[in-house]
Protein backbone atom coordinates (compact mmCIF):
# COMPACT_ATOMS: atom_id res chain seq x y z
CA MET A 1 43.39 8.43 -43.89
CA PRO A 2 45.06 5.07 -42.73
CA VAL A 3 42.90 2.02 -41.22
CA PHE A 4 44.67 -0.22 -39.21
CA ILE A 5 42.81 -4.00 -39.14
CA VAL A 6 43.81 -5.84 -35.73
CA SER A 7 44.12 -9.41 -35.00
CA ARG A 8 44.62 -11.39 -31.78
CA VAL A 9 45.17 -14.77 -32.98
CA ASP A 10 45.06 -18.70 -31.11
CA ILE A 11 45.92 -20.72 -33.43
CA THR A 12 44.49 -24.74 -33.01
CA ASP A 13 45.53 -26.23 -36.54
CA PRO A 14 49.60 -24.89 -36.90
CA ALA A 15 50.39 -26.78 -40.14
CA ARG A 16 47.38 -25.41 -41.86
CA MET A 17 48.35 -22.00 -40.07
CA ALA A 18 51.64 -21.54 -41.71
CA ASP A 19 50.15 -22.25 -45.02
CA TYR A 20 48.14 -19.05 -44.23
CA MET A 21 50.42 -17.49 -43.01
CA GLN A 22 53.14 -17.83 -46.21
CA ALA A 23 49.71 -17.08 -48.90
CA ALA A 24 47.84 -14.54 -47.06
CA PRO A 25 50.79 -11.04 -47.59
CA ALA A 26 50.47 -11.36 -51.39
CA THR A 27 46.79 -10.53 -50.99
CA VAL A 28 47.43 -7.93 -48.48
CA GLU A 29 49.65 -6.17 -50.77
CA ALA A 30 47.56 -6.46 -53.81
CA PHE A 31 44.96 -4.20 -52.02
CA GLY A 32 47.83 -1.78 -50.64
CA GLY A 33 47.63 -3.13 -47.48
CA ARG A 34 51.05 -3.88 -45.20
CA TYR A 35 52.07 -5.28 -42.38
CA ILE A 36 52.66 -3.34 -39.61
CA VAL A 37 52.89 -6.44 -36.73
CA ARG A 38 53.21 -9.87 -37.32
CA THR A 39 54.43 -11.33 -34.40
CA GLY A 40 54.08 -14.39 -31.72
CA ASN A 41 56.52 -12.82 -29.38
CA ILE A 42 54.01 -11.17 -26.58
CA GLU A 43 54.59 -9.78 -23.70
CA VAL A 44 51.23 -8.54 -21.30
CA ILE A 45 52.66 -5.68 -19.60
CA GLU A 46 48.86 -4.69 -18.08
CA GLY A 47 45.89 -7.05 -18.04
CA GLU A 48 45.20 -10.42 -18.42
CA GLN A 49 45.23 -11.22 -22.08
CA HIS A 50 46.86 -14.10 -24.06
CA CYS A 51 46.66 -14.90 -27.86
CA ASP A 52 49.07 -16.97 -30.12
CA ARG A 53 49.69 -14.32 -32.57
CA VAL A 54 48.64 -10.51 -32.86
CA VAL A 55 48.79 -8.76 -36.79
CA VAL A 56 48.26 -5.44 -37.30
CA LEU A 57 47.52 -4.01 -40.99
CA GLU A 58 47.76 -0.52 -42.06
CA PHE A 59 45.46 0.50 -45.80
CA PRO A 60 45.00 3.58 -47.00
CA THR A 61 41.91 3.30 -46.39
CA ARG A 62 38.45 1.93 -44.79
CA ASP A 63 36.97 0.40 -48.36
CA GLN A 64 40.43 -0.96 -49.16
CA ALA A 65 40.75 -2.29 -46.05
CA LEU A 66 37.17 -4.08 -46.61
CA ALA A 67 38.02 -4.78 -50.51
CA TRP A 68 40.71 -7.25 -48.90
CA TYR A 69 38.76 -8.61 -46.33
CA ASN A 70 35.95 -10.06 -48.45
CA SER A 71 37.73 -10.41 -51.88
CA GLN A 72 37.52 -13.49 -53.84
CA ASP A 73 41.05 -13.25 -53.45
CA TYR A 74 41.34 -12.98 -49.86
CA ARG A 75 38.02 -15.70 -48.77
CA PRO A 76 39.56 -19.16 -49.09
CA LEU A 77 42.38 -18.13 -47.44
CA ARG A 78 39.81 -16.43 -44.40
CA ASP A 79 38.26 -19.67 -44.68
CA ALA A 80 41.27 -21.93 -43.59
CA ARG A 81 42.45 -19.50 -41.20
CA TRP A 82 38.79 -19.97 -39.10
CA GLN A 83 39.23 -23.36 -39.93
CA ALA A 84 42.94 -23.07 -38.29
CA SER A 85 42.77 -20.55 -35.20
CA LYS A 86 40.08 -18.55 -33.44
CA ALA A 87 40.62 -14.90 -33.93
CA SER A 88 39.15 -11.62 -32.77
CA ILE A 89 39.74 -8.99 -35.90
CA MET A 90 39.01 -5.07 -35.37
CA LEU A 91 39.42 -2.89 -37.99
CA LEU A 92 40.90 0.89 -36.29
CA GLN A 93 40.07 4.28 -38.05
C-alpha cells in the first residue's frame, strides 16, 4: 500500500534551498518514490495556514519512504535543508 510524505516548508535561505530542490529528486527516485506535488502556489481556502512550499511524495511502502529519509544519499541534503528552511514533515499511511 502506498504511503505519502507531506512537507510544509518555510524557506529561510532561498539560494541554499534551490540547490536542495535541484538535488533531492534523484534521491527520491532512487528509493522508488515520486513527486505528487511540489509547489509554492498555495491558496488557503479554510483555516489559517502559512508556508512557502508544500511537497507530497509517494513511496510504494513505508519501509522505502523511511529508507529514503534516513539514507546516506539523502542525509547531506536533509542537513542542507535544515540550514535553509523550517519544515513540518509527516508520513501518511
